[in-house]
Amino acid sequence: MPERETPTGALDDVDAVTRAVLTASRLLVAVSARSLAAVEERVTLAQFRMLVVLSTRGTTKLVALAELLQVAPSTAMRMIDRLIAAGLAERQTNPANRRETLLTLTEEGRRTVEDVTARRRAEIAAIVERLRPTERLALIEALNAFNEVGGEPPAPGPEDPEPHPLGWIVDGAMAHDA
């Protein structure tokens, strides 16, 4: 990855930037928690992350899902069991290999992901609207640079059909393991 140049005269205080990012991170976690509030009794944040992965990937093997979530397959199985009990996901035997389990969202699971994502997007938009246009531009540039060096692909726009998993980098090869 090419080295970024610091503009002449720019403040290069890694600690100040780190503190600002940590503060923004707390704000974004709070926004995410509030967006989950309507489904909080049925879905934890970890389970919601699983729903988002299933939403973006479609039918997925349990082992691939566990890898994406960076959890043991037994942990993923317990999580999916709770989502199945809540009517948000379904399990089926892989017809190509009966020893494998395939997982998918139900329509209710898909609606849950869409509703929570829409609430989160609306709250973030309301915050961004309070910034001056020059602050918005600076924020776009700073966050795009931060995301790029962190290896995170851009989030979809409001007209894009699918949300991207929250906080994961999805390897292109893994993205199509089903």
N, C-alpha and C. Protein backbone atom coordinates (compact mmCIF):
# COMPACT_ATOMS: atom_id res chain seq x y z
N MET A 1 0.85 -1.17 0.00
CA MET A 1 0.00 0.00 0.00
C MET A 1 0.90 1.24 0.00
N PRO A 2 0.67 2.23 -0.90
CA PRO A 2 1.54 3.39 -0.98
C PRO A 2 1.46 4.23 0.29
N GLU A 3 2.59 4.85 0.62
CA GLU A 3 2.69 5.71 1.80
C GLU A 3 1.93 7.00 1.53
N ARG A 4 1.13 7.46 2.48
CA ARG A 4 0.40 8.72 2.34
C ARG A 4 1.29 9.86 2.78
N GLU A 5 1.23 10.97 2.04
CA GLU A 5 1.99 12.15 2.40
C GLU A 5 1.16 13.02 3.33
N THR A 6 1.81 13.59 4.33
CA THR A 6 1.16 14.52 5.24
C THR A 6 1.25 15.90 4.63
N PRO A 7 0.12 16.61 4.44
CA PRO A 7 0.17 17.95 3.86
C PRO A 7 1.06 18.85 4.71
N THR A 8 1.78 19.76 4.04
CA THR A 8 2.68 20.68 4.71
C THR A 8 1.90 21.47 5.76
N GLY A 9 2.45 21.52 6.97
CA GLY A 9 1.84 22.28 8.04
C GLY A 9 0.71 21.56 8.76
N ALA A 10 0.41 20.33 8.37
CA ALA A 10 -0.69 19.60 9.01
C ALA A 10 -0.25 19.10 10.38
N LEU A 11 -1.18 19.09 11.29
CA LEU A 11 -0.90 18.57 12.62
C LEU A 11 -0.76 17.05 12.50
N ASP A 12 0.35 16.52 12.95
CA ASP A 12 0.60 15.09 12.85
C ASP A 12 0.64 14.49 14.25
N ASP A 13 -0.47 14.55 14.95
CA ASP A 13 -0.54 14.07 16.32
C ASP A 13 -1.35 12.77 16.34
N VAL A 14 -0.65 11.65 16.30
CA VAL A 14 -1.29 10.35 16.25
C VAL A 14 -2.21 10.14 17.46
N ASP A 15 -1.79 10.61 18.63
CA ASP A 15 -2.61 10.44 19.83
C ASP A 15 -3.92 11.22 19.72
N ALA A 16 -3.87 12.44 19.22
CA ALA A 16 -5.09 13.25 19.07
C ALA A 16 -6.04 12.60 18.08
N VAL A 17 -5.51 12.08 16.98
CA VAL A 17 -6.35 11.41 15.99
C VAL A 17 -6.93 10.13 16.60
N THR A 18 -6.10 9.38 17.31
CA THR A 18 -6.58 8.15 17.94
C THR A 18 -7.71 8.44 18.92
N ARG A 19 -7.56 9.46 19.73
CA ARG A 19 -8.64 9.84 20.68
C ARG A 19 -9.91 10.23 19.93
N ALA A 20 -9.77 11.00 18.85
CA ALA A 20 -10.93 11.42 18.07
C ALA A 20 -11.64 10.21 17.45
N VAL A 21 -10.86 9.26 16.94
CA VAL A 21 -11.46 8.05 16.34
C VAL A 21 -12.13 7.21 17.42
N LEU A 22 -11.51 7.08 18.59
CA LEU A 22 -12.14 6.33 19.68
C LEU A 22 -13.46 6.98 20.10
N THR A 23 -13.48 8.30 20.16
CA THR A 23 -14.72 9.00 20.51
C THR A 23 -15.79 8.75 19.44
N ALA A 24 -15.40 8.87 18.17
CA ALA A 24 -16.34 8.60 17.08
C ALA A 24 -16.82 7.15 17.13
N SER A 25 -15.91 6.25 17.49
CA SER A 25 -16.27 4.84 17.61
C SER A 25 -17.35 4.63 18.67
N ARG A 26 -17.19 5.32 19.82
CA ARG A 26 -18.22 5.22 20.87
C ARG A 26 -19.56 5.73 20.35
N LEU A 27 -19.53 6.85 19.61
CA LEU A 27 -20.77 7.39 19.04
C LEU A 27 -21.41 6.39 18.09
N LEU A 28 -20.61 5.78 17.23
CA LEU A 28 -21.15 4.82 16.26
C LEU A 28 -21.68 3.56 16.94
N VAL A 29 -21.02 3.12 18.00
CA VAL A 29 -21.53 1.97 18.76
C VAL A 29 -22.88 2.34 19.39
N ALA A 30 -22.99 3.55 19.91
CA ALA A 30 -24.25 4.00 20.51
C ALA A 30 -25.36 4.05 19.45
N VAL A 31 -25.04 4.56 18.27
CA VAL A 31 -26.01 4.61 17.17
C VAL A 31 -26.43 3.18 16.81
N SER A 32 -25.47 2.28 16.71
CA SER A 32 -25.79 0.88 16.39
C SER A 32 -26.67 0.26 17.46
N ALA A 33 -26.36 0.52 18.72
CA ALA A 33 -27.17 -0.04 19.81
C ALA A 33 -28.60 0.50 19.75
N ARG A 34 -28.73 1.81 19.50
CA ARG A 34 -30.09 2.39 19.41
C ARG A 34 -30.84 1.83 18.22
N SER A 35 -30.15 1.56 17.12
CA SER A 35 -30.83 1.02 15.94
C SER A 35 -31.31 -0.41 16.18
N LEU A 36 -30.64 -1.10 17.10
CA LEU A 36 -31.03 -2.47 17.44
C LEU A 36 -32.11 -2.52 18.52
N ALA A 37 -32.40 -1.39 19.14
CA ALA A 37 -33.30 -1.36 20.30
C ALA A 37 -34.66 -2.00 20.01
N ALA A 38 -35.18 -1.82 18.81
CA ALA A 38 -36.50 -2.36 18.48
C ALA A 38 -36.51 -3.89 18.44
N VAL A 39 -35.36 -4.50 18.19
CA VAL A 39 -35.30 -5.97 18.11
C VAL A 39 -34.43 -6.56 19.21
N GLU A 40 -34.02 -5.72 20.15
CA GLU A 40 -33.06 -6.10 21.18
C GLU A 40 -33.49 -7.33 22.00
N GLU A 41 -34.78 -7.48 22.23
CA GLU A 41 -35.24 -8.62 23.02
C GLU A 41 -35.04 -9.93 22.29
N ARG A 42 -34.98 -9.86 20.96
CA ARG A 42 -34.86 -11.08 20.16
C ARG A 42 -33.46 -11.30 19.61
N VAL A 43 -32.67 -10.24 19.45
CA VAL A 43 -31.40 -10.34 18.75
C VAL A 43 -30.32 -9.56 19.48
N THR A 44 -29.21 -10.21 19.78
CA THR A 44 -28.06 -9.52 20.35
C THR A 44 -27.26 -8.89 19.22
N LEU A 45 -26.30 -8.05 19.56
CA LEU A 45 -25.44 -7.45 18.55
C LEU A 45 -24.68 -8.53 17.77
N ALA A 46 -24.16 -9.52 18.46
CA ALA A 46 -23.43 -10.61 17.79
C ALA A 46 -24.36 -11.38 16.84
N GLN A 47 -25.58 -11.63 17.26
CA GLN A 47 -26.53 -12.32 16.40
C GLN A 47 -26.91 -11.45 15.20
N PHE A 48 -27.02 -10.14 15.42
CA PHE A 48 -27.32 -9.25 14.31
C PHE A 48 -26.19 -9.29 13.28
N ARG A 49 -24.96 -9.31 13.75
CA ARG A 49 -23.83 -9.41 12.83
C ARG A 49 -23.95 -10.67 11.99
N MET A 50 -24.39 -11.77 12.61
CA MET A 50 -24.59 -13.02 11.88
C MET A 50 -25.69 -12.84 10.83
N LEU A 51 -26.78 -12.18 11.20
CA LEU A 51 -27.86 -11.93 10.25
C LEU A 51 -27.36 -11.12 9.05
N VAL A 52 -26.53 -10.11 9.31
CA VAL A 52 -26.01 -9.28 8.23
C VAL A 52 -25.14 -10.11 7.29
N VAL A 53 -24.31 -10.98 7.84
CA VAL A 53 -23.47 -11.83 6.99
C VAL A 53 -24.36 -12.73 6.14
N LEU A 54 -25.37 -13.33 6.74
CA LEU A 54 -26.28 -14.18 5.97
C LEU A 54 -27.03 -13.37 4.91
N SER A 55 -27.35 -12.14 5.24
CA SER A 55 -28.05 -11.27 4.30
C SER A 55 -27.19 -10.99 3.07
N THR A 56 -25.92 -10.73 3.28
CA THR A 56 -25.04 -10.38 2.16
C THR A 56 -24.57 -11.60 1.38
N ARG A 57 -24.44 -12.74 2.05
CA ARG A 57 -23.89 -13.92 1.39
C ARG A 57 -24.95 -14.86 0.84
N GLY A 58 -26.14 -14.79 1.35
CA GLY A 58 -27.15 -15.76 0.96
C GLY A 58 -26.89 -17.07 1.70
N THR A 59 -27.32 -18.16 1.13
CA THR A 59 -27.16 -19.47 1.76
C THR A 59 -25.68 -19.74 2.00
N THR A 60 -25.35 -20.10 3.25
CA THR A 60 -23.96 -20.21 3.67
C THR A 60 -23.76 -21.47 4.52
N LYS A 61 -22.60 -22.10 4.37
CA LYS A 61 -22.24 -23.23 5.21
C LYS A 61 -21.93 -22.72 6.62
N LEU A 62 -22.23 -23.54 7.61
CA LEU A 62 -21.96 -23.18 9.00
C LEU A 62 -20.47 -22.89 9.22
N VAL A 63 -19.60 -23.72 8.65
CA VAL A 63 -18.16 -23.53 8.85
C VAL A 63 -17.70 -22.21 8.25
N ALA A 64 -18.19 -21.86 7.07
CA ALA A 64 -17.81 -20.59 6.43
C ALA A 64 -18.33 -19.41 7.26
N LEU A 65 -19.52 -19.54 7.80
CA LEU A 65 -20.10 -18.48 8.64
C LEU A 65 -19.26 -18.29 9.90
N ALA A 66 -18.88 -19.38 10.51
CA ALA A 66 -18.04 -19.31 11.72
C ALA A 66 -16.70 -18.63 11.40
N GLU A 67 -16.12 -18.95 10.26
CA GLU A 67 -14.86 -18.31 9.86
C GLU A 67 -15.03 -16.81 9.69
N LEU A 68 -16.09 -16.40 9.02
CA LEU A 68 -16.34 -14.98 8.81
C LEU A 68 -16.55 -14.24 10.13
N LEU A 69 -17.22 -14.90 11.06
CA LEU A 69 -17.48 -14.28 12.36
C LEU A 69 -16.29 -14.43 13.30
N GLN A 70 -15.31 -15.21 12.89
CA GLN A 70 -14.12 -15.49 13.70
C GLN A 70 -14.50 -16.11 15.05
N VAL A 71 -15.38 -17.12 14.97
CA VAL A 71 -15.80 -17.87 16.15
C VAL A 71 -15.68 -19.36 15.83
N ALA A 72 -15.71 -20.18 16.86
CA ALA A 72 -15.70 -21.63 16.67
C ALA A 72 -17.03 -22.06 16.04
N PRO A 73 -17.01 -23.12 15.23
CA PRO A 73 -18.26 -23.60 14.66
C PRO A 73 -19.33 -23.91 15.72
N SER A 74 -18.92 -24.40 16.89
CA SER A 74 -19.91 -24.69 17.94
C SER A 74 -20.57 -23.40 18.44
N THR A 75 -19.82 -22.31 18.50
CA THR A 75 -20.39 -21.02 18.89
C THR A 75 -21.36 -20.53 17.82
N ALA A 76 -20.95 -20.66 16.56
CA ALA A 76 -21.83 -20.26 15.46
C ALA A 76 -23.11 -21.09 15.48
N MET A 77 -22.99 -22.38 15.79
CA MET A 77 -24.16 -23.25 15.85
C MET A 77 -25.13 -22.80 16.94
N ARG A 78 -24.61 -22.44 18.12
CA ARG A 78 -25.48 -21.96 19.20
C ARG A 78 -26.17 -20.65 18.79
N MET A 79 -25.42 -19.77 18.14
CA MET A 79 -26.00 -18.51 17.70
C MET A 79 -27.10 -18.75 16.67
N ILE A 80 -26.84 -19.62 15.71
CA ILE A 80 -27.83 -19.87 14.66
C ILE A 80 -29.05 -20.58 15.24
N ASP A 81 -28.84 -21.44 16.25
CA ASP A 81 -29.99 -22.09 16.90
C ASP A 81 -30.93 -21.05 17.50
N ARG A 82 -30.36 -20.01 18.12
CA ARG A 82 -31.19 -18.95 18.70
C ARG A 82 -31.92 -18.17 17.62
N LEU A 83 -31.24 -17.92 16.49
CA LEU A 83 -31.88 -17.18 15.40
C LEU A 83 -32.99 -18.02 14.75
N ILE A 84 -32.78 -19.31 14.67
CA ILE A 84 -33.82 -20.21 14.13
C ILE A 84 -35.03 -20.21 15.07
N ALA A 85 -34.77 -20.30 16.37
CA ALA A 85 -35.87 -20.28 17.35
C ALA A 85 -36.65 -18.97 17.28
N ALA A 86 -35.97 -17.88 16.93
CA ALA A 86 -36.63 -16.57 16.82
C ALA A 86 -37.32 -16.39 15.48
N GLY A 87 -37.17 -17.36 14.57
CA GLY A 87 -37.81 -17.27 13.26
C GLY A 87 -37.07 -16.39 12.27
N LEU A 88 -35.78 -16.12 12.52
CA LEU A 88 -35.00 -15.21 11.68
C LEU A 88 -34.08 -15.93 10.69
N ALA A 89 -33.84 -17.21 10.91
CA ALA A 89 -32.95 -17.99 10.03
C ALA A 89 -33.49 -19.40 9.91
N GLU A 90 -32.98 -20.10 8.90
CA GLU A 90 -33.37 -21.49 8.67
C GLU A 90 -32.12 -22.32 8.43
N ARG A 91 -32.21 -23.59 8.79
CA ARG A 91 -31.13 -24.55 8.58
C ARG A 91 -31.65 -25.62 7.64
N GLN A 92 -30.78 -26.05 6.73
CA GLN A 92 -31.13 -27.15 5.83
C GLN A 92 -29.89 -27.98 5.55
N THR A 93 -30.10 -29.20 5.20
CA THR A 93 -28.98 -30.07 4.84
C THR A 93 -28.54 -29.73 3.43
N ASN A 94 -27.24 -29.69 3.23
CA ASN A 94 -26.69 -29.42 1.91
C ASN A 94 -26.98 -30.64 1.03
N PRO A 95 -27.74 -30.47 -0.06
CA PRO A 95 -28.05 -31.63 -0.91
C PRO A 95 -26.80 -32.22 -1.57
N ALA A 96 -25.75 -31.42 -1.73
CA ALA A 96 -24.52 -31.91 -2.35
C ALA A 96 -23.64 -32.68 -1.36
N ASN A 97 -23.83 -32.42 -0.05
CA ASN A 97 -23.03 -33.09 0.98
C ASN A 97 -23.88 -33.12 2.26
N ARG A 98 -24.51 -34.24 2.51
CA ARG A 98 -25.49 -34.33 3.60
C ARG A 98 -24.88 -34.14 4.99
N ARG A 99 -23.54 -34.13 5.09
CA ARG A 99 -22.90 -33.88 6.38
C ARG A 99 -22.81 -32.38 6.68
N GLU A 100 -23.06 -31.55 5.68
CA GLU A 100 -22.95 -30.10 5.85
C GLU A 100 -24.32 -29.47 6.08
N THR A 101 -24.31 -28.41 6.87
CA THR A 101 -25.52 -27.64 7.13
C THR A 101 -25.44 -26.33 6.38
N LEU A 102 -26.51 -25.98 5.70
CA LEU A 102 -26.61 -24.69 5.03
C LEU A 102 -27.55 -23.80 5.82
N LEU A 103 -27.21 -22.51 5.90
CA LEU A 103 -27.99 -21.56 6.68
C LEU A 103 -28.44 -20.42 5.78
N THR A 104 -29.63 -19.94 6.04
CA THR A 104 -30.18 -18.83 5.26
C THR A 104 -31.13 -18.02 6.12
N LEU A 105 -31.38 -16.78 5.71
CA LEU A 105 -32.33 -15.93 6.42
C LEU A 105 -33.75 -16.27 6.01
N THR A 106 -34.66 -16.08 6.93
CA THR A 106 -36.08 -16.11 6.60
C THR A 106 -36.45 -14.71 6.13
N GLU A 107 -37.66 -14.53 5.62
CA GLU A 107 -38.11 -13.20 5.22
C GLU A 107 -38.12 -12.26 6.43
N GLU A 108 -38.49 -12.77 7.59
CA GLU A 108 -38.47 -11.95 8.80
C GLU A 108 -37.04 -11.54 9.16
N GLY A 109 -36.10 -12.44 8.97
CA GLY A 109 -34.69 -12.11 9.21
C GLY A 109 -34.21 -11.03 8.27
N ARG A 110 -34.59 -11.13 7.01
CA ARG A 110 -34.20 -10.13 6.02
C ARG A 110 -34.80 -8.76 6.37
N ARG A 111 -36.08 -8.76 6.76
CA ARG A 111 -36.73 -7.49 7.16
C ARG A 111 -36.04 -6.89 8.38
N THR A 112 -35.63 -7.73 9.31
CA THR A 112 -34.94 -7.25 10.51
C THR A 112 -33.65 -6.54 10.14
N VAL A 113 -32.85 -7.15 9.27
CA VAL A 113 -31.60 -6.53 8.82
C VAL A 113 -31.90 -5.20 8.13
N GLU A 114 -32.88 -5.19 7.24
CA GLU A 114 -33.22 -3.96 6.50
C GLU A 114 -33.69 -2.86 7.44
N ASP A 115 -34.54 -3.21 8.41
CA ASP A 115 -35.08 -2.20 9.33
C ASP A 115 -33.99 -1.61 10.22
N VAL A 116 -33.15 -2.46 10.79
CA VAL A 116 -32.08 -1.98 11.68
C VAL A 116 -31.09 -1.13 10.88
N THR A 117 -30.74 -1.57 9.68
CA THR A 117 -29.81 -0.82 8.84
C THR A 117 -30.40 0.54 8.46
N ALA A 118 -31.68 0.58 8.14
CA ALA A 118 -32.33 1.85 7.79
C ALA A 118 -32.35 2.81 8.98
N ARG A 119 -32.62 2.29 10.18
CA ARG A 119 -32.60 3.15 11.38
C ARG A 119 -31.21 3.70 11.64
N ARG A 120 -30.19 2.85 11.48
CA ARG A 120 -28.81 3.29 11.70
C ARG A 120 -28.42 4.35 10.68
N ARG A 121 -28.76 4.12 9.41
CA ARG A 121 -28.44 5.08 8.35
C ARG A 121 -29.13 6.42 8.62
N ALA A 122 -30.39 6.40 9.03
CA ALA A 122 -31.13 7.64 9.29
C ALA A 122 -30.51 8.42 10.44
N GLU A 123 -30.11 7.75 11.50
CA GLU A 123 -29.52 8.45 12.64
C GLU A 123 -28.15 9.03 12.28
N ILE A 124 -27.36 8.29 11.53
CA ILE A 124 -26.06 8.82 11.10
C ILE A 124 -26.28 10.01 10.17
N ALA A 125 -27.24 9.91 9.25
CA ALA A 125 -27.54 11.03 8.35
C ALA A 125 -27.95 12.28 9.13
N ALA A 126 -28.74 12.10 10.19
CA ALA A 126 -29.16 13.25 11.01
C ALA A 126 -27.96 13.92 11.68
N ILE A 127 -26.99 13.14 12.10
CA ILE A 127 -25.78 13.70 12.71
C ILE A 127 -24.98 14.45 11.64
N VAL A 128 -24.79 13.82 10.49
CA VAL A 128 -23.99 14.41 9.41
C VAL A 128 -24.63 15.71 8.91
N GLU A 129 -25.95 15.76 8.88
CA GLU A 129 -26.64 16.97 8.42
C GLU A 129 -26.32 18.19 9.27
N ARG A 130 -25.92 17.98 10.52
CA ARG A 130 -25.59 19.09 11.41
C ARG A 130 -24.18 19.64 11.17
N LEU A 131 -23.39 18.97 10.34
CA LEU A 131 -22.05 19.46 10.00
C LEU A 131 -22.15 20.51 8.89
N ARG A 132 -21.20 21.45 8.89
CA ARG A 132 -21.09 22.39 7.79
C ARG A 132 -20.60 21.63 6.55
N PRO A 133 -20.92 22.12 5.35
CA PRO A 133 -20.47 21.43 4.12
C PRO A 133 -18.97 21.18 4.08
N THR A 134 -18.16 22.12 4.53
CA THR A 134 -16.70 21.91 4.52
C THR A 134 -16.29 20.81 5.50
N GLU A 135 -17.01 20.72 6.63
CA GLU A 135 -16.72 19.65 7.60
C GLU A 135 -17.11 18.29 7.03
N ARG A 136 -18.22 18.25 6.29
CA ARG A 136 -18.63 16.99 5.65
C ARG A 136 -17.57 16.51 4.67
N LEU A 137 -17.08 17.43 3.85
CA LEU A 137 -16.05 17.06 2.87
C LEU A 137 -14.80 16.56 3.58
N ALA A 138 -14.38 17.26 4.61
CA ALA A 138 -13.19 16.84 5.36
C ALA A 138 -13.41 15.47 6.00
N LEU A 139 -14.62 15.24 6.51
CA LEU A 139 -14.93 13.95 7.13
C LEU A 139 -14.90 12.82 6.09
N ILE A 140 -15.47 13.08 4.92
CA ILE A 140 -15.45 12.08 3.84
C ILE A 140 -14.02 11.70 3.50
N GLU A 141 -13.18 12.71 3.31
CA GLU A 141 -11.79 12.45 2.94
C GLU A 141 -11.06 11.68 4.05
N ALA A 142 -11.25 12.12 5.28
CA ALA A 142 -10.55 11.47 6.40
C ALA A 142 -11.03 10.03 6.59
N LEU A 143 -12.33 9.82 6.58
CA LEU A 143 -12.85 8.47 6.79
C LEU A 143 -12.52 7.54 5.63
N ASN A 144 -12.57 8.06 4.40
CA ASN A 144 -12.19 7.22 3.26
C ASN A 144 -10.73 6.79 3.37
N ALA A 145 -9.87 7.71 3.76
CA ALA A 145 -8.45 7.36 3.94
C ALA A 145 -8.29 6.34 5.07
N PHE A 146 -8.98 6.56 6.19
CA PHE A 146 -8.92 5.66 7.34
C PHE A 146 -9.39 4.26 6.94
N ASN A 147 -10.53 4.20 6.25
CA ASN A 147 -11.08 2.90 5.83
C ASN A 147 -10.16 2.21 4.83
N GLU A 148 -9.57 2.97 3.93
CA GLU A 148 -8.68 2.39 2.93
C GLU A 148 -7.45 1.75 3.58
N VAL A 149 -6.79 2.48 4.48
CA VAL A 149 -5.60 1.90 5.11
C VAL A 149 -5.96 0.78 6.07
N GLY A 150 -7.20 0.78 6.56
CA GLY A 150 -7.67 -0.31 7.42
C GLY A 150 -8.17 -1.50 6.64
N GLY A 151 -8.29 -1.38 5.30
CA GLY A 151 -8.71 -2.49 4.46
C GLY A 151 -10.21 -2.72 4.43
N GLU A 152 -11.01 -1.73 4.81
CA GLU A 152 -12.46 -1.91 4.83
C GLU A 152 -13.07 -1.35 3.55
N PRO A 153 -13.86 -2.16 2.83
CA PRO A 153 -14.50 -1.66 1.61
C PRO A 153 -15.58 -0.64 1.94
N PRO A 154 -15.93 0.21 0.99
CA PRO A 154 -16.96 1.22 1.24
C PRO A 154 -18.32 0.60 1.56
N ALA A 155 -19.08 1.30 2.40
CA ALA A 155 -20.45 0.88 2.70
C ALA A 155 -21.32 1.18 1.47
N PRO A 156 -22.41 0.45 1.31
CA PRO A 156 -23.28 0.70 0.17
C PRO A 156 -24.04 2.03 0.34
N GLY A 157 -24.47 2.57 -0.78
CA GLY A 157 -25.32 3.75 -0.76
C GLY A 157 -26.75 3.35 -0.47
N PRO A 158 -27.64 4.34 -0.27
CA PRO A 158 -29.04 4.01 0.08
C PRO A 158 -29.76 3.23 -1.01
N GLU A 159 -29.33 3.36 -2.27
CA GLU A 159 -30.00 2.63 -3.35
C GLU A 159 -29.36 1.28 -3.64
N ASP A 160 -28.24 0.98 -2.97
CA ASP A 160 -27.61 -0.32 -3.16
C ASP A 160 -28.45 -1.40 -2.50
N PRO A 161 -28.55 -2.58 -3.13
CA PRO A 161 -29.47 -3.61 -2.63
C PRO A 161 -29.06 -4.30 -1.34
N GLU A 162 -27.78 -4.40 -1.04
CA GLU A 162 -27.36 -5.20 0.11
C GLU A 162 -26.45 -4.43 1.04
N PRO A 163 -26.63 -4.59 2.35
CA PRO A 163 -25.67 -4.00 3.28
C PRO A 163 -24.38 -4.80 3.28
N HIS A 164 -23.31 -4.20 3.70
CA HIS A 164 -22.04 -4.91 3.82
C HIS A 164 -21.89 -5.34 5.27
N PRO A 165 -21.32 -6.49 5.55
CA PRO A 165 -21.14 -6.92 6.94
C PRO A 165 -20.47 -5.86 7.77
N LEU A 166 -20.94 -5.70 8.98
CA LEU A 166 -20.41 -4.68 9.87
C LEU A 166 -19.08 -5.12 10.44
N GLY A 167 -18.04 -4.39 10.11
CA GLY A 167 -16.76 -4.63 10.73
C GLY A 167 -15.97 -5.80 10.22
N TRP A 168 -16.33 -6.37 9.07
CA TRP A 168 -15.54 -7.47 8.53
C TRP A 168 -15.02 -7.11 7.18
N ILE A 169 -13.87 -7.64 6.88
CA ILE A 169 -13.35 -7.59 5.52
C ILE A 169 -13.66 -8.96 4.94
N VAL A 170 -14.45 -8.99 3.88
CA VAL A 170 -14.84 -10.26 3.29
C VAL A 170 -13.90 -10.55 2.13
N ASP A 171 -13.15 -11.63 2.27
CA ASP A 171 -12.24 -12.08 1.22
C ASP A 171 -13.08 -12.52 0.03
N GLY A 172 -12.69 -12.10 -1.16
CA GLY A 172 -13.44 -12.43 -2.36
C GLY A 172 -13.66 -13.91 -2.55
N ALA A 173 -12.66 -14.72 -2.21
CA ALA A 173 -12.79 -16.17 -2.38
C ALA A 173 -13.78 -16.73 -1.37
N MET A 174 -13.74 -16.21 -0.13
CA MET A 174 -14.65 -16.71 0.90
C MET A 174 -16.06 -16.25 0.62
N ALA A 175 -16.22 -15.11 -0.03
CA ALA A 175 -17.53 -14.52 -0.24
C ALA A 175 -18.44 -15.41 -1.08
N HIS A 176 -17.88 -16.35 -1.79
CA HIS A 176 -18.72 -17.19 -2.63
C HIS A 176 -18.73 -18.65 -2.21
N ASP A 177 -18.21 -18.97 -1.02
CA ASP A 177 -18.29 -20.33 -0.48
C ASP A 177 -19.70 -20.58 -0.01
N ALA A 178 -20.44 -21.39 -0.65
CA ALA A 178 -21.78 -21.70 -0.15
C ALA A 178 -22.03 -23.18 -0.25
